[in-house]
C-alpha cells in the first residue's frame, strides 16, 4: 500500500471518532467533516510547486515563495464529496471545482454516472478528487478514469475512511494515484459498507435518513 497515506494527526483522529458516533447530530457531523477536510488538505497539498517573487513588507523588500502554475482543481464525487469540498475550499479558496455524479447500484454495487462537469482546462491543472468513503472502490475508480480521460496534469484521491478492499481495488486500477485518508478500517460488510465506518456519509451529512 505504498500509495496510501493515513493521516494520523491526533486532531484528525479525535474529530473522526466524534463523527463515527451514532448520536452525533447532522450539524456537528457536517462541521467535523469540514474541519477534517481542511486538515487533510494540508497533507495532500504538501508538495505543491512554488516560485520566488519579490515583494515589499512594512520593514523592507523580500524574496519569498508563492504558489506557481495553474490553480488546483478539486473534483467532488456527488453528493457526499461536497462535505470534503467545503473544507478544502476553506484552505484553498481560489481552487477551481468540478463535480462527478455517481450512485452505487444497490444490487451490483457498481458505480453509475449521471453527471460530469469539470473546468475545460483541467489538463493544465493538478486535481484532487474527494469523496468521504472508499468502500468497494467502484465509484473512486470510475471517477479517476473520467479525470484521466481529460488528461489532468496530476491526480490525488482524498477520503475520510477507507476499507482494505476499496484500497486494493483502487490501486489495481490506478497504481499511480496517491490515496490520502484519515483511517483504514477493518473490512466491508455484506452490503458494501465499511466496518466499523460511520454509516452512509451522505445521509448523515445532509440528514436524509
N, C-alpha and C. Protein backbone atom coordinates (compact mmCIF):
# COMPACT_ATOMS: atom_id res chain seq x y z
N UNK A 1 0.84 -1.20 0.00
CA UNK A 1 0.00 0.00 0.00
C UNK A 1 0.87 1.25 0.00
N UNK A 2 1.87 1.27 -0.85
CA UNK A 2 2.82 2.37 -0.85
C UNK A 2 2.21 3.69 -1.29
N UNK A 3 1.10 3.65 -2.02
CA UNK A 3 0.46 4.90 -2.45
C UNK A 3 -0.57 5.40 -1.43
N UNK A 4 -0.71 4.71 -0.31
CA UNK A 4 -1.70 5.08 0.70
C UNK A 4 -1.05 5.86 1.83
N UNK A 5 -1.63 7.03 2.16
CA UNK A 5 -1.18 7.81 3.31
C UNK A 5 -2.34 7.94 4.29
N UNK A 6 -2.14 7.43 5.51
CA UNK A 6 -3.14 7.58 6.57
C UNK A 6 -2.70 8.76 7.45
N UNK A 7 -3.52 9.79 7.46
CA UNK A 7 -3.20 11.00 8.23
C UNK A 7 -3.63 10.76 9.68
N UNK A 8 -2.65 10.44 10.52
CA UNK A 8 -2.97 10.03 11.89
C UNK A 8 -2.77 11.15 12.91
N UNK A 9 -2.87 12.39 12.47
CA UNK A 9 -2.75 13.52 13.40
C UNK A 9 -3.81 13.38 14.50
N UNK A 10 -3.44 13.65 15.77
CA UNK A 10 -4.39 13.48 16.87
C UNK A 10 -5.70 14.24 16.69
N UNK A 11 -5.66 15.45 16.14
CA UNK A 11 -6.89 16.21 15.94
C UNK A 11 -7.79 15.55 14.90
N UNK A 12 -7.17 15.03 13.84
CA UNK A 12 -7.94 14.33 12.82
C UNK A 12 -8.61 13.10 13.42
N UNK A 13 -7.86 12.32 14.19
CA UNK A 13 -8.41 11.11 14.78
C UNK A 13 -9.51 11.40 15.80
N UNK A 14 -9.33 12.44 16.60
CA UNK A 14 -10.34 12.82 17.58
C UNK A 14 -11.64 13.23 16.90
N UNK A 15 -11.52 14.07 15.89
CA UNK A 15 -12.72 14.54 15.19
C UNK A 15 -13.42 13.39 14.46
N UNK A 16 -12.63 12.47 13.90
CA UNK A 16 -13.23 11.32 13.23
C UNK A 16 -13.98 10.44 14.22
N UNK A 17 -13.44 10.27 15.40
CA UNK A 17 -14.13 9.48 16.43
C UNK A 17 -15.50 10.09 16.74
N UNK A 18 -15.56 11.41 16.85
CA UNK A 18 -16.84 12.07 17.09
C UNK A 18 -17.81 11.84 15.93
N UNK A 19 -17.30 11.83 14.71
CA UNK A 19 -18.15 11.60 13.55
C UNK A 19 -18.69 10.18 13.51
N UNK A 20 -17.92 9.23 14.00
CA UNK A 20 -18.35 7.83 13.97
C UNK A 20 -19.54 7.56 14.88
N UNK A 21 -19.68 8.32 15.92
CA UNK A 21 -20.72 8.06 16.93
C UNK A 21 -22.11 8.17 16.32
N UNK A 22 -22.96 7.19 16.65
CA UNK A 22 -24.32 7.17 16.13
C UNK A 22 -25.11 8.40 16.56
N UNK A 23 -24.84 8.92 17.76
CA UNK A 23 -25.64 10.03 18.29
C UNK A 23 -25.11 11.41 17.91
N UNK A 24 -24.12 11.48 17.03
CA UNK A 24 -23.62 12.79 16.59
C UNK A 24 -24.64 13.41 15.64
N UNK A 25 -25.18 14.59 15.97
CA UNK A 25 -26.22 15.21 15.13
C UNK A 25 -25.67 15.69 13.78
N UNK A 26 -26.59 15.92 12.86
CA UNK A 26 -26.23 16.29 11.49
C UNK A 26 -25.35 17.54 11.45
N UNK A 27 -25.72 18.58 12.19
CA UNK A 27 -24.97 19.83 12.14
C UNK A 27 -23.53 19.63 12.59
N UNK A 28 -23.33 18.83 13.65
CA UNK A 28 -21.98 18.58 14.14
C UNK A 28 -21.21 17.69 13.18
N UNK A 29 -21.88 16.70 12.62
CA UNK A 29 -21.24 15.82 11.64
C UNK A 29 -20.72 16.64 10.46
N UNK A 30 -21.54 17.57 9.99
CA UNK A 30 -21.16 18.42 8.86
C UNK A 30 -19.97 19.30 9.21
N UNK A 31 -20.00 19.88 10.41
CA UNK A 31 -18.91 20.75 10.85
C UNK A 31 -17.61 19.97 11.00
N UNK A 32 -17.69 18.78 11.58
CA UNK A 32 -16.49 17.98 11.78
C UNK A 32 -15.87 17.54 10.46
N UNK A 33 -16.71 17.17 9.50
CA UNK A 33 -16.19 16.76 8.20
C UNK A 33 -15.46 17.92 7.54
N UNK A 34 -16.02 19.11 7.65
CA UNK A 34 -15.38 20.29 7.07
C UNK A 34 -14.03 20.56 7.72
N UNK A 35 -13.96 20.39 9.05
CA UNK A 35 -12.71 20.63 9.77
C UNK A 35 -11.65 19.59 9.41
N UNK A 36 -12.05 18.31 9.34
CA UNK A 36 -11.10 17.26 8.97
C UNK A 36 -10.61 17.47 7.54
N UNK A 37 -11.52 17.86 6.66
CA UNK A 37 -11.14 18.09 5.26
C UNK A 37 -10.05 19.15 5.16
N UNK A 38 -10.17 20.20 5.96
CA UNK A 38 -9.15 21.25 5.94
C UNK A 38 -7.80 20.68 6.40
N UNK A 39 -7.83 19.86 7.45
CA UNK A 39 -6.59 19.27 7.95
C UNK A 39 -5.98 18.30 6.94
N UNK A 40 -6.83 17.51 6.27
CA UNK A 40 -6.33 16.61 5.23
C UNK A 40 -5.73 17.41 4.08
N UNK A 41 -6.33 18.57 3.83
CA UNK A 41 -5.85 19.42 2.76
C UNK A 41 -4.40 19.84 2.95
N UNK A 42 -3.99 20.07 4.19
CA UNK A 42 -2.59 20.41 4.45
C UNK A 42 -1.65 19.30 3.99
N UNK A 43 -2.05 18.05 4.23
CA UNK A 43 -1.21 16.92 3.87
C UNK A 43 -1.17 16.70 2.36
N UNK A 44 -2.32 16.76 1.72
CA UNK A 44 -2.39 16.44 0.30
C UNK A 44 -1.73 17.52 -0.57
N UNK A 45 -1.62 18.75 -0.04
CA UNK A 45 -1.00 19.84 -0.81
C UNK A 45 0.44 20.12 -0.39
N UNK A 46 1.02 19.24 0.38
CA UNK A 46 2.36 19.47 0.91
C UNK A 46 3.42 19.67 -0.17
N UNK A 47 3.20 19.06 -1.34
CA UNK A 47 4.22 19.12 -2.39
C UNK A 47 3.86 20.08 -3.53
N UNK A 48 2.96 21.02 -3.29
CA UNK A 48 2.62 21.99 -4.33
C UNK A 48 3.86 22.77 -4.76
N UNK A 49 3.94 23.05 -6.04
CA UNK A 49 5.08 23.79 -6.58
C UNK A 49 5.03 25.26 -6.17
N UNK A 50 6.19 25.82 -5.87
CA UNK A 50 6.29 27.24 -5.52
C UNK A 50 7.39 27.91 -6.35
N UNK A 51 7.34 29.22 -6.37
CA UNK A 51 8.38 30.01 -7.01
C UNK A 51 8.64 31.25 -6.16
N UNK A 52 9.81 31.83 -6.29
CA UNK A 52 10.17 33.00 -5.52
C UNK A 52 9.74 34.28 -6.24
N UNK A 53 9.17 35.21 -5.49
CA UNK A 53 8.79 36.50 -6.06
C UNK A 53 9.32 37.62 -5.14
N UNK A 54 9.43 38.81 -5.69
CA UNK A 54 9.88 39.96 -4.92
C UNK A 54 8.68 40.75 -4.43
N UNK A 55 8.66 41.03 -3.12
CA UNK A 55 7.60 41.84 -2.53
C UNK A 55 8.24 42.88 -1.60
N UNK A 56 7.40 43.78 -1.09
CA UNK A 56 7.85 44.75 -0.09
C UNK A 56 7.00 44.58 1.15
N UNK A 57 7.64 44.26 2.27
CA UNK A 57 6.94 44.17 3.55
C UNK A 57 7.00 45.54 4.23
N UNK A 58 6.31 45.75 5.34
CA UNK A 58 6.39 47.03 6.05
C UNK A 58 7.81 47.37 6.51
N UNK A 59 8.69 46.37 6.55
CA UNK A 59 10.06 46.60 7.00
C UNK A 59 11.04 46.75 5.84
N UNK A 60 10.72 46.16 4.70
CA UNK A 60 11.63 46.27 3.57
C UNK A 60 11.36 45.21 2.52
N UNK A 61 12.19 45.17 1.45
CA UNK A 61 12.00 44.20 0.37
C UNK A 61 12.35 42.79 0.80
N UNK A 62 11.71 41.80 0.13
CA UNK A 62 11.99 40.40 0.44
C UNK A 62 11.72 39.56 -0.80
N UNK A 63 12.46 38.47 -0.91
CA UNK A 63 12.22 37.48 -1.96
C UNK A 63 11.66 36.24 -1.28
N UNK A 64 10.40 35.93 -1.57
CA UNK A 64 9.66 34.92 -0.79
C UNK A 64 8.88 33.98 -1.71
N UNK A 65 8.52 32.80 -1.18
CA UNK A 65 7.83 31.81 -2.03
C UNK A 65 6.34 32.09 -2.18
N UNK A 66 5.82 31.72 -3.33
CA UNK A 66 4.38 31.76 -3.61
C UNK A 66 4.05 30.57 -4.49
N UNK A 67 2.78 30.18 -4.53
CA UNK A 67 2.38 29.07 -5.38
C UNK A 67 2.61 29.42 -6.85
N UNK A 68 3.01 28.43 -7.62
CA UNK A 68 3.26 28.66 -9.04
C UNK A 68 2.36 27.78 -9.89
N UNK A 69 2.18 28.17 -11.14
CA UNK A 69 1.39 27.37 -12.07
C UNK A 69 -0.10 27.62 -11.92
N UNK A 70 -0.89 26.83 -12.66
CA UNK A 70 -2.34 26.93 -12.63
C UNK A 70 -2.88 26.54 -11.26
N UNK A 71 -4.02 27.14 -10.90
CA UNK A 71 -4.65 26.82 -9.63
C UNK A 71 -5.16 25.38 -9.64
N UNK A 72 -5.19 24.78 -8.45
CA UNK A 72 -5.71 23.43 -8.27
C UNK A 72 -7.15 23.31 -8.73
N UNK A 73 -7.54 22.09 -9.06
CA UNK A 73 -8.94 21.78 -9.29
C UNK A 73 -9.35 20.68 -8.30
N UNK A 74 -10.40 20.92 -7.56
CA UNK A 74 -10.94 19.92 -6.63
C UNK A 74 -12.21 19.35 -7.26
N UNK A 75 -12.25 18.05 -7.43
CA UNK A 75 -13.40 17.39 -8.04
C UNK A 75 -14.14 16.59 -6.97
N UNK A 76 -15.38 16.97 -6.73
CA UNK A 76 -16.21 16.32 -5.72
C UNK A 76 -17.05 15.22 -6.35
N UNK A 77 -17.02 14.03 -5.73
CA UNK A 77 -17.89 12.95 -6.15
C UNK A 77 -19.22 13.14 -5.40
N UNK A 78 -20.24 13.49 -6.16
CA UNK A 78 -21.54 13.79 -5.55
C UNK A 78 -22.16 12.54 -4.94
N UNK A 79 -22.87 12.72 -3.82
CA UNK A 79 -23.13 14.02 -3.24
C UNK A 79 -22.27 14.28 -2.01
N UNK A 80 -21.82 13.19 -1.38
CA UNK A 80 -21.12 13.31 -0.10
C UNK A 80 -19.77 14.00 -0.24
N UNK A 81 -19.20 13.98 -1.43
CA UNK A 81 -17.92 14.64 -1.63
C UNK A 81 -17.96 16.12 -1.33
N UNK A 82 -19.16 16.71 -1.42
CA UNK A 82 -19.27 18.15 -1.16
C UNK A 82 -18.93 18.51 0.28
N UNK A 83 -19.05 17.56 1.19
CA UNK A 83 -18.67 17.83 2.58
C UNK A 83 -17.18 18.04 2.72
N UNK A 84 -16.39 17.28 1.98
CA UNK A 84 -14.93 17.48 1.98
C UNK A 84 -14.57 18.70 1.15
N UNK A 85 -15.29 18.92 0.06
CA UNK A 85 -15.03 20.06 -0.81
C UNK A 85 -15.05 21.38 -0.04
N UNK A 86 -16.04 21.56 0.83
CA UNK A 86 -16.16 22.81 1.57
C UNK A 86 -14.93 23.07 2.44
N UNK A 87 -14.44 22.04 3.11
CA UNK A 87 -13.25 22.21 3.94
C UNK A 87 -12.02 22.50 3.12
N UNK A 88 -11.90 21.85 1.98
CA UNK A 88 -10.77 22.10 1.09
C UNK A 88 -10.79 23.54 0.57
N UNK A 89 -11.98 24.05 0.26
CA UNK A 89 -12.08 25.42 -0.24
C UNK A 89 -11.80 26.45 0.85
N UNK A 90 -12.01 26.08 2.12
CA UNK A 90 -11.60 26.97 3.21
C UNK A 90 -10.09 27.18 3.17
N UNK A 91 -9.37 26.12 2.81
CA UNK A 91 -7.91 26.17 2.76
C UNK A 91 -7.40 26.75 1.44
N UNK A 92 -8.10 26.42 0.35
CA UNK A 92 -7.65 26.83 -1.00
C UNK A 92 -8.82 27.52 -1.71
N UNK A 93 -9.20 28.72 -1.29
CA UNK A 93 -10.41 29.35 -1.82
C UNK A 93 -10.36 29.66 -3.31
N UNK A 94 -9.18 29.74 -3.89
CA UNK A 94 -9.06 30.07 -5.31
C UNK A 94 -9.11 28.84 -6.22
N UNK A 95 -9.23 27.64 -5.63
CA UNK A 95 -9.25 26.41 -6.44
C UNK A 95 -10.46 26.39 -7.36
N UNK A 96 -10.29 25.78 -8.51
CA UNK A 96 -11.41 25.52 -9.40
C UNK A 96 -12.12 24.26 -8.91
N UNK A 97 -13.38 24.09 -9.29
CA UNK A 97 -14.18 22.98 -8.77
C UNK A 97 -14.86 22.22 -9.90
N UNK A 98 -14.81 20.90 -9.81
CA UNK A 98 -15.55 20.04 -10.72
C UNK A 98 -16.44 19.10 -9.93
N UNK A 99 -17.42 18.49 -10.60
CA UNK A 99 -18.33 17.55 -9.94
C UNK A 99 -18.53 16.32 -10.82
N UNK A 100 -18.55 15.17 -10.17
CA UNK A 100 -18.91 13.91 -10.84
C UNK A 100 -20.06 13.29 -10.05
N UNK A 101 -21.19 13.08 -10.73
CA UNK A 101 -22.33 12.45 -10.08
C UNK A 101 -22.31 10.95 -10.30
N UNK A 102 -22.18 10.20 -9.23
CA UNK A 102 -22.16 8.74 -9.31
C UNK A 102 -23.06 8.18 -8.22
N UNK A 103 -23.80 7.11 -8.54
CA UNK A 103 -24.52 6.41 -7.49
C UNK A 103 -24.22 4.92 -7.60
N UNK A 104 -24.35 4.25 -6.47
CA UNK A 104 -23.99 2.83 -6.41
C UNK A 104 -25.23 1.97 -6.61
N UNK A 105 -25.20 1.13 -7.65
CA UNK A 105 -26.30 0.22 -7.89
C UNK A 105 -26.47 -0.69 -6.67
N UNK A 106 -27.66 -0.74 -6.06
CA UNK A 106 -27.82 -1.49 -4.81
C UNK A 106 -27.62 -2.99 -4.95
N UNK A 107 -27.73 -3.49 -6.18
CA UNK A 107 -27.58 -4.93 -6.40
C UNK A 107 -26.14 -5.30 -6.76
N UNK A 108 -25.60 -4.61 -7.76
CA UNK A 108 -24.26 -4.95 -8.25
C UNK A 108 -23.15 -4.18 -7.53
N UNK A 109 -23.51 -3.08 -6.85
CA UNK A 109 -22.58 -2.17 -6.18
C UNK A 109 -21.68 -1.43 -7.18
N UNK A 110 -21.99 -1.53 -8.47
CA UNK A 110 -21.22 -0.83 -9.49
C UNK A 110 -21.59 0.65 -9.51
N UNK A 111 -20.64 1.50 -9.92
CA UNK A 111 -20.86 2.94 -9.98
C UNK A 111 -21.53 3.32 -11.31
N UNK A 112 -22.60 4.09 -11.22
CA UNK A 112 -23.31 4.55 -12.41
C UNK A 112 -23.25 6.07 -12.45
N UNK A 113 -22.75 6.62 -13.55
CA UNK A 113 -22.57 8.07 -13.66
C UNK A 113 -23.85 8.74 -14.16
N UNK A 114 -24.19 9.90 -13.54
CA UNK A 114 -25.34 10.67 -14.01
C UNK A 114 -25.00 12.15 -14.24
N UNK A 115 -23.77 12.57 -13.88
CA UNK A 115 -23.41 13.98 -14.08
C UNK A 115 -21.89 14.11 -14.12
N UNK A 116 -21.41 15.01 -15.00
CA UNK A 116 -19.97 15.26 -15.08
C UNK A 116 -19.73 16.67 -15.57
N UNK A 117 -19.03 17.47 -14.78
CA UNK A 117 -18.71 18.85 -15.16
C UNK A 117 -17.41 19.25 -14.49
N UNK A 118 -16.38 19.54 -15.30
CA UNK A 118 -15.08 19.97 -14.79
C UNK A 118 -14.59 21.14 -15.63
N UNK A 119 -13.60 21.90 -15.14
CA UNK A 119 -13.06 23.01 -15.93
C UNK A 119 -12.52 22.52 -17.28
N UNK A 120 -12.70 23.34 -18.31
CA UNK A 120 -12.26 22.96 -19.65
C UNK A 120 -10.75 22.76 -19.73
N UNK A 121 -10.01 23.51 -18.92
CA UNK A 121 -8.55 23.42 -18.97
C UNK A 121 -7.99 22.51 -17.89
N UNK A 122 -8.74 21.47 -17.53
CA UNK A 122 -8.30 20.58 -16.45
C UNK A 122 -7.00 19.87 -16.80
N UNK A 123 -6.68 19.75 -18.08
CA UNK A 123 -5.43 19.10 -18.48
C UNK A 123 -4.20 19.90 -18.04
N UNK A 124 -4.41 21.16 -17.66
CA UNK A 124 -3.31 22.01 -17.21
C UNK A 124 -3.26 22.12 -15.69
N UNK A 125 -4.09 21.38 -15.00
CA UNK A 125 -4.22 21.54 -13.55
C UNK A 125 -3.94 20.25 -12.79
N UNK A 126 -3.44 20.40 -11.56
CA UNK A 126 -3.37 19.30 -10.61
C UNK A 126 -4.76 19.12 -10.02
N UNK A 127 -5.21 17.88 -9.90
CA UNK A 127 -6.57 17.58 -9.48
C UNK A 127 -6.58 16.79 -8.18
N UNK A 128 -7.48 17.17 -7.28
CA UNK A 128 -7.74 16.41 -6.06
C UNK A 128 -9.18 15.92 -6.12
N UNK A 129 -9.38 14.61 -6.16
CA UNK A 129 -10.71 14.01 -6.17
C UNK A 129 -11.11 13.71 -4.73
N UNK A 130 -12.31 14.14 -4.32
CA UNK A 130 -12.71 13.99 -2.91
C UNK A 130 -14.04 13.23 -2.78
N UNK A 131 -14.08 12.31 -1.83
CA UNK A 131 -15.28 11.52 -1.52
C UNK A 131 -15.05 10.90 -0.14
N UNK A 132 -15.98 11.03 0.80
CA UNK A 132 -15.69 10.58 2.18
C UNK A 132 -15.34 9.11 2.33
N UNK A 133 -16.02 8.21 1.59
CA UNK A 133 -15.86 6.79 1.86
C UNK A 133 -15.26 6.06 0.65
N UNK A 134 -14.14 5.36 0.87
CA UNK A 134 -13.57 4.47 -0.13
C UNK A 134 -13.94 3.06 0.31
N UNK A 135 -15.10 2.58 -0.16
CA UNK A 135 -15.63 1.30 0.29
C UNK A 135 -15.27 0.19 -0.69
N UNK A 136 -16.14 -0.09 -1.67
CA UNK A 136 -15.80 -1.08 -2.68
C UNK A 136 -14.72 -0.55 -3.62
N UNK A 137 -14.64 0.76 -3.74
CA UNK A 137 -13.69 1.39 -4.65
C UNK A 137 -14.25 1.65 -6.03
N UNK A 138 -15.47 1.17 -6.31
CA UNK A 138 -16.02 1.30 -7.66
C UNK A 138 -16.22 2.75 -8.08
N UNK A 139 -16.78 3.56 -7.19
CA UNK A 139 -17.01 4.97 -7.52
C UNK A 139 -15.69 5.72 -7.69
N UNK A 140 -14.75 5.46 -6.80
CA UNK A 140 -13.45 6.13 -6.88
C UNK A 140 -12.73 5.77 -8.17
N UNK A 141 -12.75 4.49 -8.53
CA UNK A 141 -12.10 4.04 -9.76
C UNK A 141 -12.73 4.71 -10.97
N UNK A 142 -14.08 4.74 -10.99
CA UNK A 142 -14.79 5.34 -12.12
C UNK A 142 -14.51 6.84 -12.22
N UNK A 143 -14.49 7.52 -11.08
CA UNK A 143 -14.25 8.96 -11.07
C UNK A 143 -12.86 9.29 -11.61
N UNK A 144 -11.86 8.55 -11.17
CA UNK A 144 -10.49 8.82 -11.62
C UNK A 144 -10.32 8.48 -13.09
N UNK A 145 -10.99 7.42 -13.57
CA UNK A 145 -10.95 7.11 -15.00
C UNK A 145 -11.45 8.30 -15.83
N UNK A 146 -12.53 8.94 -15.36
CA UNK A 146 -13.09 10.09 -16.08
C UNK A 146 -12.11 11.26 -16.10
N UNK A 147 -11.44 11.49 -14.97
CA UNK A 147 -10.47 12.59 -14.90
C UNK A 147 -9.25 12.28 -15.77
N UNK A 148 -8.82 11.03 -15.75
CA UNK A 148 -7.68 10.66 -16.60
C UNK A 148 -8.02 10.82 -18.08
N UNK A 149 -9.27 10.55 -18.43
CA UNK A 149 -9.68 10.71 -19.82
C UNK A 149 -9.56 12.16 -20.29
N UNK A 150 -9.64 13.10 -19.32
CA UNK A 150 -9.48 14.52 -19.64
C UNK A 150 -8.03 14.97 -19.49
N UNK A 151 -7.15 14.01 -19.22
CA UNK A 151 -5.70 14.22 -19.20
C UNK A 151 -5.27 15.28 -18.18
N UNK A 152 -5.77 15.13 -16.96
CA UNK A 152 -5.36 16.04 -15.88
C UNK A 152 -3.85 15.97 -15.67
N UNK A 153 -3.28 17.07 -15.26
CA UNK A 153 -1.83 17.16 -15.05
C UNK A 153 -1.36 16.14 -14.01
N UNK A 154 -2.08 16.04 -12.92
CA UNK A 154 -1.82 15.03 -11.88
C UNK A 154 -3.11 14.82 -11.11
N UNK A 155 -3.21 13.68 -10.41
CA UNK A 155 -4.42 13.35 -9.66
C UNK A 155 -4.04 12.78 -8.30
N UNK A 156 -4.77 13.24 -7.27
CA UNK A 156 -4.70 12.64 -5.95
C UNK A 156 -6.13 12.36 -5.49
N UNK A 157 -6.27 11.35 -4.64
CA UNK A 157 -7.60 10.98 -4.15
C UNK A 157 -7.63 11.13 -2.63
N UNK A 158 -8.66 11.83 -2.13
CA UNK A 158 -8.78 12.08 -0.70
C UNK A 158 -10.12 11.55 -0.20
N UNK A 159 -10.07 10.75 0.87
CA UNK A 159 -11.30 10.26 1.50
C UNK A 159 -11.16 10.35 3.01
N UNK A 160 -12.25 10.15 3.69
CA UNK A 160 -12.26 10.22 5.15
C UNK A 160 -11.93 8.85 5.76
N UNK A 161 -12.60 7.81 5.25
CA UNK A 161 -12.41 6.45 5.76
C UNK A 161 -12.30 5.50 4.57
N UNK A 162 -11.36 4.56 4.65
CA UNK A 162 -11.16 3.59 3.57
C UNK A 162 -11.25 2.17 4.11
N UNK A 163 -11.69 1.26 3.25
CA UNK A 163 -11.67 -0.18 3.55
C UNK A 163 -10.52 -0.82 2.78
N UNK A 164 -9.91 -1.86 3.32
CA UNK A 164 -8.81 -2.52 2.60
C UNK A 164 -9.22 -2.99 1.20
N UNK A 165 -10.47 -3.46 1.06
CA UNK A 165 -10.95 -3.92 -0.25
C UNK A 165 -10.99 -2.77 -1.26
N UNK A 166 -11.44 -1.61 -0.80
CA UNK A 166 -11.52 -0.45 -1.68
C UNK A 166 -10.14 0.05 -2.08
N UNK A 167 -9.22 0.06 -1.13
CA UNK A 167 -7.85 0.49 -1.43
C UNK A 167 -7.22 -0.45 -2.45
N UNK A 168 -7.42 -1.76 -2.28
CA UNK A 168 -6.85 -2.74 -3.20
C UNK A 168 -7.42 -2.57 -4.60
N UNK A 169 -8.74 -2.38 -4.69
CA UNK A 169 -9.38 -2.21 -5.99
C UNK A 169 -8.91 -0.94 -6.68
N UNK A 170 -8.79 0.13 -5.90
CA UNK A 170 -8.33 1.40 -6.46
C UNK A 170 -6.90 1.30 -6.96
N UNK A 171 -6.03 0.71 -6.15
CA UNK A 171 -4.63 0.60 -6.53
C UNK A 171 -4.43 -0.33 -7.71
N UNK A 172 -5.30 -1.32 -7.87
CA UNK A 172 -5.19 -2.21 -9.02
C UNK A 172 -5.44 -1.46 -10.32
N UNK A 173 -6.39 -0.52 -10.30
CA UNK A 173 -6.72 0.26 -11.49
C UNK A 173 -5.87 1.51 -11.64
N UNK A 174 -5.52 2.12 -10.52
CA UNK A 174 -4.81 3.40 -10.56
C UNK A 174 -3.59 3.38 -9.62
N UNK A 175 -2.60 2.56 -9.92
CA UNK A 175 -1.42 2.46 -9.04
C UNK A 175 -0.61 3.75 -8.99
N UNK A 176 -0.87 4.66 -9.93
CA UNK A 176 -0.12 5.92 -9.99
C UNK A 176 -0.77 7.06 -9.22
N UNK A 177 -1.95 6.82 -8.63
CA UNK A 177 -2.70 7.88 -7.95
C UNK A 177 -2.60 7.71 -6.43
N UNK A 178 -2.00 8.68 -5.72
CA UNK A 178 -1.89 8.59 -4.26
C UNK A 178 -3.27 8.70 -3.59
N UNK A 179 -3.43 7.96 -2.50
CA UNK A 179 -4.65 8.00 -1.70
C UNK A 179 -4.30 8.61 -0.34
N UNK A 180 -5.11 9.57 0.09
CA UNK A 180 -4.98 10.16 1.42
C UNK A 180 -6.27 9.90 2.19
N UNK A 181 -6.16 9.38 3.41
CA UNK A 181 -7.34 9.08 4.20
C UNK A 181 -7.05 9.33 5.68
N UNK A 182 -8.11 9.48 6.46
CA UNK A 182 -7.95 9.65 7.90
C UNK A 182 -7.94 8.31 8.62
N UNK A 183 -8.43 7.25 7.96
CA UNK A 183 -8.48 5.94 8.63
C UNK A 183 -8.59 4.82 7.62
N UNK A 184 -7.88 3.73 7.89
CA UNK A 184 -8.05 2.49 7.15
C UNK A 184 -8.74 1.51 8.09
N UNK A 185 -10.03 1.24 7.83
CA UNK A 185 -10.84 0.42 8.73
C UNK A 185 -10.67 -1.07 8.45
N UNK A 186 -11.50 -1.89 9.10
CA UNK A 186 -11.29 -3.34 9.11
C UNK A 186 -11.65 -4.03 7.80
N UNK A 187 -12.87 -3.76 7.31
CA UNK A 187 -13.37 -4.55 6.16
C UNK A 187 -14.68 -3.94 5.67
N UNK A 188 -15.24 -4.58 4.63
CA UNK A 188 -16.59 -4.29 4.17
C UNK A 188 -17.55 -5.36 4.69
N UNK A 189 -18.80 -4.96 4.96
CA UNK A 189 -19.80 -5.96 5.31
C UNK A 189 -20.49 -6.47 4.04
N UNK A 190 -21.50 -7.31 4.20
CA UNK A 190 -22.16 -7.93 3.04
C UNK A 190 -22.91 -6.92 2.18
N UNK A 191 -23.17 -5.73 2.72
CA UNK A 191 -23.89 -4.70 1.97
C UNK A 191 -22.95 -3.66 1.36
N UNK A 192 -21.64 -3.91 1.48
CA UNK A 192 -20.68 -2.99 0.90
C UNK A 192 -20.41 -1.76 1.74
N UNK A 193 -20.75 -1.80 3.05
CA UNK A 193 -20.47 -0.69 3.95
C UNK A 193 -19.19 -0.98 4.74
N UNK A 194 -18.47 0.10 5.04
CA UNK A 194 -17.22 -0.04 5.77
C UNK A 194 -17.50 -0.35 7.25
N UNK A 195 -16.73 -1.29 7.82
CA UNK A 195 -16.83 -1.68 9.23
C UNK A 195 -15.53 -1.31 9.93
N UNK A 196 -15.57 -0.57 11.08
CA UNK A 196 -16.77 -0.03 11.72
C UNK A 196 -17.35 1.19 11.01
N UNK A 197 -16.54 1.92 10.26
CA UNK A 197 -17.05 3.03 9.45
C UNK A 197 -17.80 4.06 10.25
N UNK A 198 -18.77 4.70 9.56
CA UNK A 198 -19.61 5.69 10.23
C UNK A 198 -21.00 5.76 9.60
N UNK A 199 -21.36 4.70 8.86
CA UNK A 199 -22.65 4.67 8.19
C UNK A 199 -22.57 5.32 6.82
N UNK A 200 -23.71 5.76 6.31
CA UNK A 200 -23.76 6.42 5.00
C UNK A 200 -23.41 7.89 5.18
N UNK A 201 -22.25 8.29 4.67
CA UNK A 201 -21.76 9.65 4.88
C UNK A 201 -22.71 10.69 4.29
N UNK A 202 -23.28 10.40 3.12
CA UNK A 202 -24.20 11.35 2.50
C UNK A 202 -25.44 11.56 3.31
N UNK A 203 -26.05 10.48 3.79
CA UNK A 203 -27.25 10.60 4.62
C UNK A 203 -26.97 11.34 5.91
N UNK A 204 -25.84 11.07 6.53
CA UNK A 204 -25.51 11.74 7.78
C UNK A 204 -25.14 13.20 7.57
N UNK A 205 -24.53 13.49 6.43
CA UNK A 205 -24.13 14.85 6.12
C UNK A 205 -25.32 15.75 5.83
N UNK A 206 -26.32 15.19 5.13
CA UNK A 206 -27.46 16.00 4.71
C UNK A 206 -28.75 15.71 5.47
N UNK A 207 -28.70 14.78 6.43
CA UNK A 207 -29.86 14.50 7.25
C UNK A 207 -30.99 13.86 6.48
N UNK A 208 -30.65 12.98 5.52
CA UNK A 208 -31.68 12.37 4.68
C UNK A 208 -32.09 10.99 5.15
N UNK A 209 -31.62 10.59 6.31
CA UNK A 209 -32.08 9.31 6.88
C UNK A 209 -31.98 9.40 8.39
